[in-house]
Each structure stands twice: as structure tokens, then as C-alpha cells.
Amino acid sequence: MNTKFEIRRITEWYARDMNALSSLLIAVVEDGASIGFLPPLLEEFSLEYWKEVMAPNVRLWVAEYSGEIVGTVQLQLSTKQNGMHRAEIAKLMVHPKARRMGIARQLMGTAEDTEVEEGRSLIVLDTRAGDPSNTLYRSLGYIEAGRIPQYAKSANGQLDTTVLYYKLL
């Protein structure tokens, strides 16, 4: 696979995009990603999740390669009065067949640029301890703020630690 891909913001739902995002979510969960779901993830649950994503405070992007969605990220803007300066990264996903091409890095850059455009200065996220995503986030300048043990259950029933990160923009 060559490395030409395009980042596109989703502002309204089309069946094609929702179905593609559902397939992406299922693929990354089956591959072991800790993003709130356990395998086997049924398509109906995946589609239900995506139906609830679109909200005024959520920015959603996809990465496309040859017209196929191979990655996504969400920026969830805080709506609390005391939190209007911050946002959270959620559901950064890249299809297993499209990894190591810079897609996650490009999606994160897009989210960070938008956060600055939105007048935000703090971005937070969490990820499972030991996952390759920790290396990505640290390489992008995120700072570990702490760890929460037994935070999320893995497919094998193990309770895993999550790592909290932040970045001042």
C-alpha cells in the first residue's frame, strides 16, 4: 500500500461513511484495541455507537486511502463553563492493514490544529498501558499525567491499567 491518504471531516452522516466506520471499529476491536468494546463486536452495536457520536461538541475526521476509510479520530470539546479551554481525543483508530503509514500522526495533527482554531489550549487522552499508542503520544509531545489500575477489561478478562496524557497547545 502506498502512503497517499486524505483526511476528511465528517459533519453529517451518510450510510456509506457510517458503514465504513462500523467496519473499521470492528476490525480494530478484533485486532485487540482497547477503545471501549470487546470482541466479538456485533455490527448492530458498532452502528449504534456511531449514531450517537455526532454532537455539536464533537469533531470527527476520517483518513481515506483510495476511497476507503482506514482511520478516524474524534476531538470532544468540553462544554463545561470551567473547561472551555480543553478538549479530549477519543477513538483514534487505524485499520490494521494501514498502520505505520503516518495516518494516526496526521489525524492527531488535524485534531490539534482544530483545537487551537476552536480557542482551546489543553488536550487530554487516555490509552491502555503497554499499547503502541503510548509511544505515538509521547512522540507527539504528550505528557503522562498518571495511571489508573484495573481501568478497562481486555478480551481475556484481564483488568488493564490506563495511562492519562495531556498536552498544552
C-alpha atoms as a PDB file:
ATOM      1  CA  MET A   1       0.000   0.000   0.000  1.00  0.00           C
ATOM      2  CA  ASN A   2       1.486   3.378  -0.869  1.00  0.00           C
ATOM      3  CA  THR A   3       1.226   6.202   1.635  1.00  0.00           C
ATOM      4  CA  LYS A   4      -1.222   8.551  -0.113  1.00  0.00           C
ATOM      5  CA  PHE A   5      -4.242   9.174   2.041  1.00  0.00           C
ATOM      6  CA  GLU A   6      -6.622  12.052   2.627  1.00  0.00           C
ATOM      7  CA  ILE A   7      -8.068  13.426   5.876  1.00  0.00           C
ATOM      8  CA  ARG A   8     -11.730  14.437   5.676  1.00  0.00           C
ATOM      9  CA  ARG A   9     -14.007  15.889   8.341  1.00  0.00           C
ATOM     10  CA  ILE A  10     -17.403  14.237   8.816  1.00  0.00           C
ATOM     11  CA  THR A  11     -20.113  16.809   9.562  1.00  0.00           C
ATOM     12  CA  GLU A  12     -23.200  14.775   8.669  1.00  0.00           C
ATOM     13  CA  TRP A  13     -23.909  11.093   8.347  1.00  0.00           C
ATOM     14  CA  TYR A  14     -24.104   9.219   5.104  1.00  0.00           C
ATOM     15  CA  ALA A  15     -24.807   5.493   5.167  1.00  0.00           C
ATOM     16  CA  ARG A  16     -21.554   4.779   3.331  1.00  0.00           C
ATOM     17  CA  ASP A  17     -19.455   6.571   5.979  1.00  0.00           C
ATOM     18  CA  MET A  18     -21.317   5.057   8.898  1.00  0.00           C
ATOM     19  CA  ASN A  19     -20.973   1.545   7.471  1.00  0.00           C
ATOM     20  CA  ALA A  20     -17.269   2.077   6.776  1.00  0.00           C
ATOM     21  CA  LEU A  21     -16.651   3.405  10.291  1.00  0.00           C
ATOM     22  CA  SER A  22     -18.567   0.459  11.715  1.00  0.00           C
ATOM     23  CA  SER A  23     -16.340  -1.958   9.792  1.00  0.00           C
ATOM     24  CA  LEU A  24     -13.232  -0.069  10.945  1.00  0.00           C
ATOM     25  CA  LEU A  25     -14.332  -0.221  14.584  1.00  0.00           C
ATOM     26  CA  ILE A  26     -14.995  -3.956  14.328  1.00  0.00           C
ATOM     27  CA  ALA A  27     -11.596  -4.562  12.695  1.00  0.00           C
ATOM     28  CA  VAL A  28      -9.591  -2.689  15.341  1.00  0.00           C
ATOM     29  CA  VAL A  29     -11.514  -4.300  18.200  1.00  0.00           C
ATOM     30  CA  GLU A  30     -10.883  -7.738  16.677  1.00  0.00           C
ATOM     31  CA  ASP A  31      -7.195  -6.784  16.461  1.00  0.00           C
ATOM     32  CA  GLY A  32      -7.121  -6.132  20.218  1.00  0.00           C
ATOM     33  CA  ALA A  33      -7.566  -2.355  20.517  1.00  0.00           C
ATOM     34  CA  SER A  34      -8.785  -1.097  23.877  1.00  0.00           C
ATOM     35  CA  ILE A  35     -11.325   1.505  22.778  1.00  0.00           C
ATOM     36  CA  GLY A  36     -14.333   0.666  24.897  1.00  0.00           C
ATOM     37  CA  PHE A  37     -15.519  -2.508  23.167  1.00  0.00           C
ATOM     38  CA  LEU A  38     -14.736  -6.213  23.423  1.00  0.00           C
ATOM     39  CA  PRO A  39     -14.648  -8.812  20.643  1.00  0.00           C
ATOM     40  CA  PRO A  40     -16.662 -10.105  19.035  1.00  0.00           C
ATOM     41  CA  LEU A  41     -18.246  -6.722  18.342  1.00  0.00           C
ATOM     42  CA  LEU A  42     -21.526  -7.113  16.513  1.00  0.00           C
ATOM     43  CA  GLU A  43     -22.251  -4.758  13.629  1.00  0.00           C
ATOM     44  CA  GLU A  44     -25.507  -3.596  15.228  1.00  0.00           C
ATOM     45  CA  PHE A  45     -23.634  -2.388  18.347  1.00  0.00           C
ATOM     46  CA  SER A  46     -20.954  -0.743  16.243  1.00  0.00           C
ATOM     47  CA  LEU A  47     -23.535   1.107  14.146  1.00  0.00           C
ATOM     48  CA  GLU A  48     -25.400   2.170  17.298  1.00  0.00           C
ATOM     49  CA  TYR A  49     -22.187   3.642  18.677  1.00  0.00           C
ATOM     50  CA  TRP A  50     -21.571   5.718  15.541  1.00  0.00           C
ATOM     51  CA  LYS A  51     -25.156   7.009  15.500  1.00  0.00           C
ATOM     52  CA  GLU A  52     -24.528   8.580  18.916  1.00  0.00           C
ATOM     53  CA  VAL A  53     -21.168  10.197  18.044  1.00  0.00           C
ATOM     54  CA  MET A  54     -22.370  13.217  16.101  1.00  0.00           C
ATOM     55  CA  ALA A  55     -22.915  16.099  18.529  1.00  0.00           C
ATOM     56  CA  PRO A  56     -22.272  19.855  18.448  1.00  0.00           C
ATOM     57  CA  ASN A  57     -19.158  19.490  20.620  1.00  0.00           C
ATOM     58  CA  VAL A  58     -17.600  16.605  18.663  1.00  0.00           C
ATOM     59  CA  ARG A  59     -15.290  16.969  15.689  1.00  0.00           C
ATOM     60  CA  LEU A  60     -14.835  13.771  13.676  1.00  0.00           C
ATOM     61  CA  TRP A  61     -12.317  13.051  10.930  1.00  0.00           C
ATOM     62  CA  VAL A  62     -11.575  10.056   8.771  1.00  0.00           C
ATOM     63  CA  ALA A  63      -8.470   9.087   6.845  1.00  0.00           C
ATOM     64  CA  GLU A  64      -9.206   7.659   3.413  1.00  0.00           C
ATOM     65  CA  TYR A  65      -6.992   5.620   1.149  1.00  0.00           C
ATOM     66  CA  SER A  66      -8.284   5.011  -2.382  1.00  0.00           C
ATOM     67  CA  GLY A  67     -11.769   5.999  -1.238  1.00  0.00           C
ATOM     68  CA  GLU A  68     -11.758   3.575   1.716  1.00  0.00           C
ATOM     69  CA  ILE A  69     -11.889   4.777   5.327  1.00  0.00           C
ATOM     70  CA  VAL A  70      -8.806   3.393   7.069  1.00  0.00           C
ATOM     71  CA  GLY A  71      -8.617   5.644  10.136  1.00  0.00           C
ATOM     72  CA  THR A  72     -10.530   8.049  12.342  1.00  0.00           C
ATOM     73  CA  VAL A  73     -10.238  10.310  15.370  1.00  0.00           C
ATOM     74  CA  GLN A  74     -12.612  12.434  17.429  1.00  0.00           C
ATOM     75  CA  LEU A  75     -11.996  15.681  19.253  1.00  0.00           C
ATOM     76  CA  GLN A  76     -14.544  16.152  22.023  1.00  0.00           C
ATOM     77  CA  LEU A  77     -14.705  19.803  23.092  1.00  0.00           C
ATOM     78  CA  SER A  78     -15.525  20.341  26.751  1.00  0.00           C
ATOM     79  CA  THR A  79     -18.822  22.188  27.224  1.00  0.00           C
ATOM     80  CA  LYS A  80     -18.378  22.851  30.954  1.00  0.00           C
ATOM     81  CA  GLN A  81     -18.021  26.504  31.932  1.00  0.00           C
ATOM     82  CA  ASN A  82     -14.708  25.855  33.639  1.00  0.00           C
ATOM     83  CA  GLY A  83     -13.448  23.654  30.808  1.00  0.00           C
ATOM     84  CA  MET A  84     -13.956  25.734  27.681  1.00  0.00           C
ATOM     85  CA  HIS A  85     -10.176  25.741  27.208  1.00  0.00           C
ATOM     86  CA  ARG A  86      -9.834  21.967  26.848  1.00  0.00           C
ATOM     87  CA  ALA A  87     -10.782  19.025  24.666  1.00  0.00           C
ATOM     88  CA  GLU A  88     -10.303  15.269  24.676  1.00  0.00           C
ATOM     89  CA  ILE A  89      -9.050  12.930  21.980  1.00  0.00           C
ATOM     90  CA  ALA A  90     -11.287   9.893  21.574  1.00  0.00           C
ATOM     91  CA  LYS A  91     -11.291   6.777  19.425  1.00  0.00           C
ATOM     92  CA  LEU A  92      -8.097   7.231  17.446  1.00  0.00           C
ATOM     93  CA  MET A  93      -8.212   4.185  15.173  1.00  0.00           C
ATOM     94  CA  VAL A  94      -6.222   2.987  12.184  1.00  0.00           C
ATOM     95  CA  HIS A  95      -7.128  -0.204  10.341  1.00  0.00           C
ATOM     96  CA  PRO A  96      -4.538  -2.938  10.998  1.00  0.00           C
ATOM     97  CA  LYS A  97      -3.698  -3.130   7.273  1.00  0.00           C
ATOM     98  CA  ALA A  98      -2.958   0.636   7.133  1.00  0.00           C
ATOM     99  CA  ARG A  99      -0.718   1.067  10.154  1.00  0.00           C
ATOM    100  CA  ARG A 100       2.794   2.537  10.157  1.00  0.00           C
ATOM    101  CA  MET A 101       1.946   4.962   7.332  1.00  0.00           C
ATOM    102  CA  GLY A 102       1.637   8.130   9.433  1.00  0.00           C
ATOM    103  CA  ILE A 103      -2.167   8.090   9.456  1.00  0.00           C
ATOM    104  CA  ALA A 104      -2.543   8.315  13.246  1.00  0.00           C
ATOM    105  CA  ARG A 105       0.039  11.102  13.384  1.00  0.00           C
ATOM    106  CA  GLN A 106      -1.801  13.043  10.644  1.00  0.00           C
ATOM    107  CA  LEU A 107      -5.180  12.554  12.352  1.00  0.00           C
ATOM    108  CA  MET A 108      -3.741  13.786  15.659  1.00  0.00           C
ATOM    109  CA  GLY A 109      -2.220  16.821  13.951  1.00  0.00           C
ATOM    110  CA  THR A 110      -5.569  17.667  12.394  1.00  0.00           C
ATOM    111  CA  ALA A 111      -7.321  17.369  15.761  1.00  0.00           C
ATOM    112  CA  GLU A 112      -4.695  19.513  17.490  1.00  0.00           C
ATOM    113  CA  ASP A 113      -4.858  22.203  14.781  1.00  0.00           C
ATOM    114  CA  THR A 114      -8.639  22.316  15.109  1.00  0.00           C
ATOM    115  CA  GLU A 115      -8.424  22.571  18.879  1.00  0.00           C
ATOM    116  CA  VAL A 116      -6.254  25.667  18.530  1.00  0.00           C
ATOM    117  CA  GLU A 117      -8.678  27.118  15.928  1.00  0.00           C
ATOM    118  CA  GLU A 118     -11.506  26.480  18.415  1.00  0.00           C
ATOM    119  CA  GLY A 119      -9.640  28.540  21.046  1.00  0.00           C
ATOM    120  CA  ARG A 120      -8.657  25.559  23.183  1.00  0.00           C
ATOM    121  CA  SER A 121      -5.247  25.155  24.802  1.00  0.00           C
ATOM    122  CA  LEU A 122      -5.298  21.812  26.680  1.00  0.00           C
ATOM    123  CA  ILE A 123      -5.852  18.411  25.162  1.00  0.00           C
ATOM    124  CA  VAL A 124      -6.202  15.168  27.149  1.00  0.00           C
ATOM    125  CA  LEU A 125      -6.492  11.498  26.284  1.00  0.00           C
ATOM    126  CA  ASP A 126      -6.075   8.056  27.756  1.00  0.00           C
ATOM    127  CA  THR A 127      -4.810   4.754  26.432  1.00  0.00           C
ATOM    128  CA  ARG A 128      -4.067   1.271  27.710  1.00  0.00           C
ATOM    129  CA  ALA A 129      -0.665   0.868  29.339  1.00  0.00           C
ATOM    130  CA  GLY A 130       1.721  -1.093  27.145  1.00  0.00           C
ATOM    131  CA  ASP A 131      -0.047  -0.392  23.837  1.00  0.00           C
ATOM    132  CA  PRO A 132       1.977   1.008  20.913  1.00  0.00           C
ATOM    133  CA  SER A 133      -0.167   4.147  21.105  1.00  0.00           C
ATOM    134  CA  ASN A 134       1.829   5.214  24.179  1.00  0.00           C
ATOM    135  CA  THR A 135       4.918   5.606  22.001  1.00  0.00           C
ATOM    136  CA  LEU A 136       2.957   7.653  19.454  1.00  0.00           C
ATOM    137  CA  TYR A 137       1.519  10.020  22.053  1.00  0.00           C
ATOM    138  CA  ARG A 138       4.879  10.583  23.739  1.00  0.00           C
ATOM    139  CA  SER A 139       6.485  11.254  20.338  1.00  0.00           C
ATOM    140  CA  LEU A 140       3.814  13.910  19.712  1.00  0.00           C
ATOM    141  CA  GLY A 141       4.711  15.715  22.934  1.00  0.00           C
ATOM    142  CA  TYR A 142       2.028  14.329  25.244  1.00  0.00           C
ATOM    143  CA  ILE A 143       2.988  14.144  28.907  1.00  0.00           C
ATOM    144  CA  GLU A 144       1.935  11.306  31.175  1.00  0.00           C
ATOM    145  CA  ALA A 145      -0.261  12.669  33.960  1.00  0.00           C
ATOM    146  CA  GLY A 146      -0.892   9.396  35.762  1.00  0.00           C
ATOM    147  CA  ARG A 147      -2.164   5.844  35.653  1.00  0.00           C
ATOM    148  CA  ILE A 148      -5.362   4.206  36.801  1.00  0.00           C
ATOM    149  CA  PRO A 149      -5.031   0.481  37.572  1.00  0.00           C
ATOM    150  CA  GLN A 150      -7.746  -2.010  36.631  1.00  0.00           C
ATOM    151  CA  TYR A 151      -9.448   0.589  34.428  1.00  0.00           C
ATOM    152  CA  ALA A 152     -10.610  -1.446  31.424  1.00  0.00           C
ATOM    153  CA  LYS A 153     -11.288  -5.103  30.777  1.00  0.00           C
ATOM    154  CA  SER A 154      -9.489  -6.869  27.934  1.00  0.00           C
ATOM    155  CA  ALA A 155     -10.928  -9.638  25.791  1.00  0.00           C
ATOM    156  CA  ASN A 156      -9.209 -12.226  28.019  1.00  0.00           C
ATOM    157  CA  GLY A 157     -10.923 -10.797  31.123  1.00  0.00           C
ATOM    158  CA  GLN A 158      -7.787  -9.101  32.464  1.00  0.00           C
ATOM    159  CA  LEU A 159      -8.222  -5.653  34.002  1.00  0.00           C
ATOM    160  CA  ASP A 160      -5.707  -3.293  32.411  1.00  0.00           C
ATOM    161  CA  THR A 161      -4.156  -0.028  33.534  1.00  0.00           C
ATOM    162  CA  THR A 162      -4.933   3.125  31.583  1.00  0.00           C
ATOM    163  CA  VAL A 163      -2.438   5.941  31.114  1.00  0.00           C
ATOM    164  CA  LEU A 164      -3.669   9.543  31.157  1.00  0.00           C
ATOM    165  CA  TYR A 165      -1.863  12.063  28.943  1.00  0.00           C
ATOM    166  CA  TYR A 166      -2.106  15.793  28.355  1.00  0.00           C
ATOM    167  CA  LYS A 167      -0.602  18.379  26.051  1.00  0.00           C
ATOM    168  CA  LEU A 168      -0.647  22.165  26.306  1.00  0.00           C
ATOM    169  CA  LEU A 169      -1.072  23.732  22.872  1.00  0.00           C
END
